[in-house]
Amino acid sequence: MTANLLGLGSKQLKEFCAGLGEKPFRAKQLLRWIHHAGVDDFSAMTDMAKPLRDRLAQCARVTAPKVIRDSTAADGTRKWLLDVGTGNAIEAVFIPETNRGTLCVSSQAGCALECSFCSTGRQGFNRNLTVEEIIGQLWWANKSLGRGIETERPISNVVMMGMGEPLANFDNVVAAMQLMLDDSAYGLSRRRVTLSTSGLVPAIDRLGDECPVALAVSLHAPNDALRDQLVPINRKYPIKQLLAACLRYIEKAPRDFVTFEYVMLSGVNDSVGQARELARVVKSVPCKFNLIPFNPFPDSGYTRSDPQAMAQFRDVLMQSGYTTTMRKTRGDDIDAACGQLAGQVQDKTKRQQRRMAEVE
């Protein structure tokens, strides 16, 4: 079987090249051709001798997940549905803005955490994505958007906020992010790669030690009672433990704050009183808030907070001294907005079957 070089980092490529009797510098060349230039044809790697290119063609390949569907929203947001085998497909989303282009990357086929307001969480869980399936989303998006060896990259920022909980697939996610950061591959700065987690406390500490990037935490509630309902992992790692982990992380991170994400659910977590409670709860943690309008999906059971409620909530946080933004909804006409990614998941958790039984 040929080796897929797409998921190999610098160290692994050096080992691969050594196995072929080649010098270590060949690994850097391969990284640049595969990731910087988006080339998957060894014959096009013109700064390597033809005998080596022929040998690579026999023993290696560069293979990303295949695109099933490519959709573009009215606002320019673009979503790819990518085949990851055995009936599973995942989604990646590109969000173009004036001064940057952001790619939202998935880390799992489905998600096991069952956050109640998230479409991905409703789909159940099948498996973790491999390194090549994670980095393949960035590789394919760059290629689709026109990046070549002589052209500027269209993607300046990556957010691990797609399908799945990134820290539940720690090793593969970190390996993929290290490729994103490698100057010979994508050359992104740690400040421009953001990992979003629902709050796996031990893995937050481990991330700070092994690959600190910008951190976003899906908070969504000002107290444990409500967060237990919305984000069930809170029952294992309650808010006090989570905030302590955030403080430890900031000591090692490229940014001196954590971003708290807060989806706005009408009548659930969006009152002025809850905003005041939230401001008190996080006062020990240097942070910013990103308020996210709830993006509806069938049978969610929730509705989006109205603009006035969101504005009042934001104003309370800002008056308490917190930088607070309200995320603009992008790509909702192609179900590419935050919380809407669903893909296609062969659910091993039997979650869908249980839900149907409950309805019946």
Protein backbone atom coordinates (compact mmCIF):
# COMPACT_ATOMS: atom_id res chain seq x y z
CA MET A 1 0.00 0.00 0.00
CA THR A 2 1.30 3.46 -0.88
CA ALA A 3 1.91 5.99 1.89
CA ASN A 4 -0.33 9.06 1.99
CA LEU A 5 2.10 11.94 2.52
CA LEU A 6 -0.65 14.51 3.11
CA GLY A 7 -0.86 13.77 6.82
CA LEU A 8 2.88 13.54 7.53
CA GLY A 9 4.64 16.33 9.39
CA SER A 10 8.28 17.36 9.03
CA LYS A 11 9.71 14.66 11.31
CA GLN A 12 7.68 11.89 9.71
CA LEU A 13 8.58 13.03 6.19
CA LYS A 14 12.27 13.03 7.12
CA GLU A 15 11.89 9.45 8.32
CA PHE A 16 10.05 8.55 5.12
CA CYS A 17 12.77 10.13 2.99
CA ALA A 18 15.49 8.38 5.02
CA GLY A 19 13.77 5.09 4.22
CA LEU A 20 14.21 5.91 0.56
CA GLY A 21 17.87 6.73 1.11
CA GLU A 22 17.25 10.45 0.61
CA LYS A 23 18.64 13.45 2.52
CA PRO A 24 16.49 15.24 5.17
CA PHE A 25 16.10 18.36 3.00
CA ARG A 26 13.78 16.37 0.72
CA ALA A 27 11.17 16.51 3.49
CA LYS A 28 11.12 20.30 3.32
CA GLN A 29 10.74 20.16 -0.45
CA LEU A 30 7.83 17.77 -0.15
CA LEU A 31 6.14 19.93 2.49
CA ARG A 32 6.37 22.98 0.24
CA TRP A 33 5.07 21.20 -2.83
CA ILE A 34 2.21 19.42 -1.06
CA HIS A 35 0.99 22.11 1.33
CA HIS A 36 2.34 25.43 0.15
CA ALA A 37 1.73 24.79 -3.55
CA GLY A 38 -1.13 22.27 -3.28
CA VAL A 39 0.53 19.80 -5.68
CA ASP A 40 -0.50 16.15 -5.59
CA ASP A 41 1.37 15.02 -8.71
CA PHE A 42 4.98 14.04 -7.99
CA SER A 43 5.95 14.56 -11.63
CA ALA A 44 5.24 18.29 -11.16
CA MET A 45 7.75 18.61 -8.29
CA THR A 46 10.42 19.94 -10.61
CA ASP A 47 13.25 20.63 -8.13
CA MET A 48 13.61 16.91 -7.42
CA ALA A 49 15.43 14.49 -9.72
CA LYS A 50 13.22 12.52 -12.08
CA PRO A 51 14.27 9.10 -10.68
CA LEU A 52 13.10 10.24 -7.21
CA ARG A 53 9.84 11.56 -8.61
CA ASP A 54 9.24 8.26 -10.37
CA ARG A 55 9.97 6.34 -7.17
CA LEU A 56 7.61 8.55 -5.17
CA ALA A 57 4.88 7.90 -7.70
CA GLN A 58 5.29 4.18 -7.06
CA CYS A 59 5.41 4.20 -3.24
CA ALA A 60 3.51 7.31 -2.15
CA ARG A 61 0.49 9.48 -2.88
CA VAL A 62 -1.09 12.77 -1.83
CA THR A 63 -4.78 12.09 -1.26
CA ALA A 64 -7.33 14.38 0.39
CA PRO A 65 -10.96 13.47 1.07
CA LYS A 66 -13.06 13.72 -2.09
CA VAL A 67 -15.62 16.48 -2.46
CA ILE A 68 -19.22 15.31 -2.61
CA ARG A 69 -20.78 18.75 -2.79
CA ASP A 70 -19.48 22.31 -3.14
CA SER A 71 -21.99 25.04 -2.15
CA THR A 72 -21.69 28.82 -2.17
CA ALA A 73 -24.02 31.08 -0.17
CA ALA A 74 -25.36 34.44 -1.27
CA ASP A 75 -22.84 36.19 1.02
CA GLY A 76 -19.88 34.34 -0.51
CA THR A 77 -19.52 31.74 2.25
CA ARG A 78 -18.48 28.42 0.73
CA LYS A 79 -19.09 24.95 2.13
CA TRP A 80 -17.59 21.64 1.08
CA LEU A 81 -19.08 18.24 1.93
CA LEU A 82 -16.15 15.81 1.99
CA ASP A 83 -16.30 12.03 1.83
CA VAL A 84 -14.36 10.32 4.63
CA GLY A 85 -15.52 6.79 3.85
CA THR A 86 -17.86 4.12 5.23
CA GLY A 87 -20.90 6.31 4.67
CA ASN A 88 -19.51 9.30 6.56
CA ALA A 89 -19.04 12.84 5.25
CA ILE A 90 -17.82 15.97 7.01
CA GLU A 91 -18.13 19.67 6.27
CA ALA A 92 -15.63 22.52 6.02
CA VAL A 93 -16.63 26.18 5.60
CA PHE A 94 -14.74 29.14 4.14
CA ILE A 95 -15.80 32.62 5.29
CA PRO A 96 -14.42 35.45 3.16
CA GLU A 97 -14.01 38.87 4.75
CA THR A 98 -12.39 42.13 3.66
CA ASN A 99 -9.09 41.64 5.47
CA ARG A 100 -8.98 37.88 5.97
CA GLY A 101 -10.30 34.51 4.90
CA THR A 102 -11.26 32.03 7.60
CA LEU A 103 -11.65 28.28 7.20
CA CYS A 104 -13.74 26.35 9.71
CA VAL A 105 -12.35 22.82 9.98
CA SER A 106 -13.98 19.63 11.32
CA SER A 107 -12.17 17.18 13.60
CA GLN A 108 -14.63 14.29 13.93
CA ALA A 109 -17.35 12.53 11.96
CA GLY A 110 -20.17 13.64 14.23
CA CYS A 111 -19.70 14.53 17.88
CA ALA A 112 -20.15 12.59 21.10
CA LEU A 113 -20.77 15.56 23.42
CA GLU A 114 -24.47 16.15 22.60
CA CYS A 115 -24.67 19.91 23.14
CA SER A 116 -28.41 20.42 22.90
CA PHE A 117 -28.40 23.40 20.51
CA CYS A 118 -25.95 21.97 17.97
CA SER A 119 -27.00 20.21 14.78
CA THR A 120 -23.75 18.20 14.68
CA GLY A 121 -24.45 16.93 18.19
CA ARG A 122 -27.84 15.65 17.09
CA GLN A 123 -26.28 13.49 14.37
CA GLY A 124 -24.46 11.16 16.75
CA PHE A 125 -20.82 10.10 16.50
CA ASN A 126 -18.87 7.71 14.29
CA ARG A 127 -15.12 8.28 14.65
CA ASN A 128 -12.19 10.66 14.93
CA LEU A 129 -10.79 12.06 11.70
CA THR A 130 -7.22 11.18 10.71
CA VAL A 131 -4.51 13.80 10.28
CA GLU A 132 -4.85 13.70 6.49
CA GLU A 133 -8.63 14.12 6.75
CA ILE A 134 -8.22 17.18 8.98
CA ILE A 135 -5.39 18.87 7.08
CA GLY A 136 -7.01 17.72 3.84
CA GLN A 137 -9.81 20.22 4.42
CA LEU A 138 -7.30 23.08 4.41
CA TRP A 139 -5.37 21.58 1.49
CA TRP A 140 -8.52 21.21 -0.59
CA ALA A 141 -9.95 24.61 0.31
CA ASN A 142 -6.71 26.37 -0.69
CA LYS A 143 -6.65 24.44 -3.95
CA SER A 144 -10.32 25.20 -4.68
CA LEU A 145 -9.85 28.88 -3.91
CA GLY A 146 -6.93 29.22 -6.30
CA ARG A 147 -3.78 29.02 -4.21
CA GLY A 148 -0.67 27.99 -6.10
CA ILE A 149 3.05 28.20 -5.53
CA GLU A 150 3.21 31.76 -6.91
CA THR A 151 -0.11 33.06 -5.53
CA GLU A 152 -1.19 34.46 -2.18
CA ARG A 153 -3.05 32.14 0.15
CA PRO A 154 -6.77 32.87 0.33
CA ILE A 155 -6.99 31.40 3.84
CA SER A 156 -5.33 33.53 6.52
CA ASN A 157 -7.07 32.04 9.58
CA VAL A 158 -8.15 28.54 10.60
CA VAL A 159 -10.68 27.80 13.32
CA MET A 160 -11.12 24.28 14.66
CA MET A 161 -14.84 24.89 15.13
CA GLY A 162 -16.39 22.50 12.63
CA MET A 163 -17.94 19.12 13.31
CA GLY A 164 -16.69 17.44 16.47
CA GLU A 165 -14.84 18.29 19.68
CA PRO A 166 -11.20 18.90 18.67
CA LEU A 167 -9.73 18.01 22.06
CA ALA A 168 -11.45 14.61 21.95
CA ASN A 169 -9.23 13.84 18.94
CA PHE A 170 -6.17 15.40 20.52
CA ASP A 171 -3.22 13.70 18.82
CA ASN A 172 -4.54 14.00 15.27
CA VAL A 173 -5.73 17.58 15.74
CA VAL A 174 -2.39 18.68 17.18
CA ALA A 175 -0.49 16.98 14.36
CA ALA A 176 -2.70 18.76 11.81
CA MET A 177 -2.28 22.12 13.55
CA GLN A 178 1.49 21.68 13.60
CA LEU A 179 1.35 21.35 9.81
CA MET A 180 -0.74 24.54 9.69
CA LEU A 181 1.98 26.30 11.68
CA ASP A 182 4.96 24.88 9.77
CA ASP A 183 6.63 27.60 7.68
CA SER A 184 7.29 25.09 4.90
CA ALA A 185 3.62 24.09 4.79
CA TYR A 186 0.97 26.75 5.52
CA GLY A 187 2.98 29.13 7.69
CA LEU A 188 0.09 30.31 9.85
CA SER A 189 0.89 32.04 13.14
CA ARG A 190 -0.36 30.60 16.42
CA ARG A 191 -2.55 33.68 16.81
CA ARG A 192 -4.32 32.83 13.55
CA VAL A 193 -5.16 29.23 14.44
CA THR A 194 -8.00 28.96 16.95
CA LEU A 195 -9.21 25.83 18.68
CA SER A 196 -12.71 25.83 20.11
CA THR A 197 -13.56 23.41 22.90
CA SER A 198 -16.60 22.61 24.99
CA GLY A 199 -14.33 22.25 28.00
CA LEU A 200 -12.25 19.07 28.25
CA VAL A 201 -10.11 20.35 31.10
CA PRO A 202 -7.20 17.86 31.08
CA ALA A 203 -6.83 18.26 27.31
CA ILE A 204 -6.76 22.08 27.64
CA ASP A 205 -3.76 21.72 29.94
CA ARG A 206 -2.12 19.29 27.55
CA LEU A 207 -2.71 21.62 24.60
CA GLY A 208 -1.00 24.44 26.47
CA ASP A 209 2.07 22.23 26.90
CA GLU A 210 2.22 20.74 23.40
CA CYS A 211 0.74 23.16 20.87
CA PRO A 212 -0.61 26.43 22.30
CA VAL A 213 -2.82 28.29 19.83
CA ALA A 214 -5.63 30.80 20.31
CA LEU A 215 -8.32 29.28 22.53
CA ALA A 216 -12.08 29.69 22.33
CA VAL A 217 -14.36 28.07 24.92
CA SER A 218 -18.00 27.26 24.30
CA LEU A 219 -19.47 28.59 27.54
CA HIS A 220 -23.14 29.32 26.72
CA ALA A 221 -24.36 29.61 30.32
CA PRO A 222 -23.52 31.63 33.45
CA ASN A 223 -24.00 28.78 35.92
CA ASP A 224 -23.58 25.02 36.23
CA ALA A 225 -27.29 24.21 36.45
CA LEU A 226 -28.01 25.66 33.01
CA ARG A 227 -24.72 24.61 31.43
CA ASP A 228 -25.33 21.02 32.54
CA GLN A 229 -28.41 21.08 30.30
CA LEU A 230 -26.88 22.86 27.31
CA VAL A 231 -23.33 21.43 27.39
CA PRO A 232 -23.45 18.02 29.15
CA ILE A 233 -19.64 17.75 29.49
CA ASN A 234 -20.07 20.42 32.19
CA ARG A 235 -21.29 17.67 34.53
CA LYS A 236 -17.76 16.24 34.43
CA TYR A 237 -15.82 19.53 34.21
CA PRO A 238 -17.93 22.28 35.81
CA ILE A 239 -17.41 25.98 35.22
CA LYS A 240 -15.04 26.55 38.15
CA GLN A 241 -12.65 23.87 36.88
CA LEU A 242 -12.97 25.13 33.31
CA LEU A 243 -12.13 28.73 34.23
CA ALA A 244 -9.11 27.57 36.25
CA ALA A 245 -7.89 25.67 33.18
CA CYS A 246 -8.35 28.81 31.08
CA LEU A 247 -6.15 30.78 33.47
CA ARG A 248 -3.43 28.14 33.26
CA TYR A 249 -3.67 28.12 29.48
CA ILE A 250 -3.27 31.88 29.13
CA GLU A 251 0.18 31.61 30.72
CA LYS A 252 1.39 29.60 27.71
CA ALA A 253 -0.86 30.83 24.89
CA PRO A 254 -0.05 33.24 22.03
CA ARG A 255 -2.89 35.51 23.17
CA ASP A 256 -3.31 36.95 26.65
CA PHE A 257 -7.02 36.21 26.77
CA VAL A 258 -9.56 33.46 26.09
CA THR A 259 -12.60 33.99 23.90
CA PHE A 260 -15.83 32.77 25.42
CA GLU A 261 -18.42 31.78 22.85
CA TYR A 262 -22.02 32.20 23.89
CA VAL A 263 -24.91 31.11 21.66
CA MET A 264 -27.99 33.26 22.27
CA LEU A 265 -31.12 31.19 22.95
CA SER A 266 -34.36 33.07 23.40
CA GLY A 267 -35.74 32.76 26.92
CA VAL A 268 -33.04 30.30 27.92
CA ASN A 269 -29.74 32.12 28.53
CA ASP A 270 -30.24 35.67 27.23
CA SER A 271 -31.67 37.74 30.09
CA VAL A 272 -30.04 40.84 31.54
CA GLY A 273 -29.79 39.06 34.88
CA GLN A 274 -27.91 36.19 33.28
CA ALA A 275 -25.56 38.67 31.60
CA ARG A 276 -24.75 40.19 34.99
CA GLU A 277 -24.22 36.73 36.47
CA LEU A 278 -21.91 35.83 33.58
CA ALA A 279 -19.84 38.97 34.09
CA ARG A 280 -19.35 38.06 37.75
CA VAL A 281 -18.51 34.41 37.09
CA VAL A 282 -15.63 35.05 34.65
CA LYS A 283 -14.16 38.12 36.38
CA SER A 284 -10.89 36.34 37.24
CA VAL A 285 -10.18 35.31 33.63
CA PRO A 286 -8.84 37.74 30.98
CA CYS A 287 -11.39 37.20 28.26
CA LYS A 288 -13.49 38.47 25.40
CA PHE A 289 -17.02 37.43 24.49
CA ASN A 290 -18.38 36.38 21.14
CA LEU A 291 -22.17 36.33 21.20
CA ILE A 292 -23.55 33.98 18.55
CA PRO A 293 -27.10 34.21 17.20
CA PHE A 294 -28.64 30.75 17.38
CA ASN A 295 -28.88 29.26 13.90
CA PRO A 296 -32.00 27.13 13.61
CA PHE A 297 -32.19 23.55 12.37
CA PRO A 298 -35.18 21.15 12.27
CA ASP A 299 -36.63 20.11 15.64
CA SER A 300 -33.99 21.97 17.61
CA GLY A 301 -36.44 23.13 20.27
CA TYR A 302 -34.78 26.56 20.44
CA THR A 303 -35.29 29.95 18.84
CA ARG A 304 -32.87 32.80 18.26
CA SER A 305 -32.77 35.66 20.76
CA ASP A 306 -34.26 38.82 19.30
CA PRO A 307 -31.87 41.67 18.41
CA GLN A 308 -32.93 43.83 21.37
CA ALA A 309 -32.25 41.04 23.88
CA MET A 310 -28.85 40.41 22.32
CA ALA A 311 -27.99 44.10 22.38
CA GLN A 312 -28.97 44.42 26.05
CA PHE A 313 -26.93 41.32 26.92
CA ARG A 314 -23.93 42.73 25.05
CA ASP A 315 -24.27 46.12 26.72
CA VAL A 316 -24.20 44.59 30.21
CA LEU A 317 -20.98 42.74 29.40
CA MET A 318 -19.38 45.81 27.84
CA GLN A 319 -20.36 48.00 30.79
CA SER A 320 -18.67 45.39 32.98
CA GLY A 321 -15.44 45.96 31.06
CA TYR A 322 -15.47 43.05 28.60
CA THR A 323 -14.82 43.38 24.88
CA THR A 324 -17.92 41.83 23.35
CA THR A 325 -18.76 41.14 19.73
CA MET A 326 -21.90 39.78 18.12
CA ARG A 327 -21.04 37.29 15.43
CA LYS A 328 -22.56 38.03 12.06
CA THR A 329 -24.48 35.04 10.75
CA ARG A 330 -22.81 33.79 7.57
CA GLY A 331 -23.88 31.09 5.16
CA ASP A 332 -27.14 30.16 6.85
CA ASP A 333 -28.86 29.76 3.46
CA ILE A 334 -26.62 26.72 2.82
CA ASP A 335 -26.62 25.52 6.45
CA ALA A 336 -23.02 26.66 6.87
CA ALA A 337 -23.54 28.86 9.93
CA CYS A 338 -22.30 28.14 13.43
CA GLY A 339 -24.07 25.11 14.92
CA GLN A 340 -25.59 24.00 11.62
CA LEU A 341 -22.90 21.66 10.31
CA ALA A 342 -24.23 18.13 10.09
CA GLY A 343 -22.55 16.29 7.22
CA GLN A 344 -23.43 12.60 6.98
CA VAL A 345 -22.74 10.43 10.01
CA GLN A 346 -23.18 6.70 10.50
CA ASP A 347 -24.06 7.02 14.17
CA LYS A 348 -22.33 4.45 16.38
CA THR A 349 -23.84 5.96 19.52
CA LYS A 350 -27.41 4.98 18.49
CA ARG A 351 -28.37 8.52 19.51
CA GLN A 352 -30.74 9.02 16.60
CA GLN A 353 -32.55 5.77 17.35
CA ARG A 354 -32.96 6.74 21.00
CA ARG A 355 -34.34 10.14 20.04
CA MET A 356 -36.89 8.62 17.66
CA ALA A 357 -37.98 6.22 20.39
CA GLU A 358 -38.44 9.11 22.80
CA VAL A 359 -40.59 10.98 20.25
CA GLU A 360 -42.75 7.91 19.62
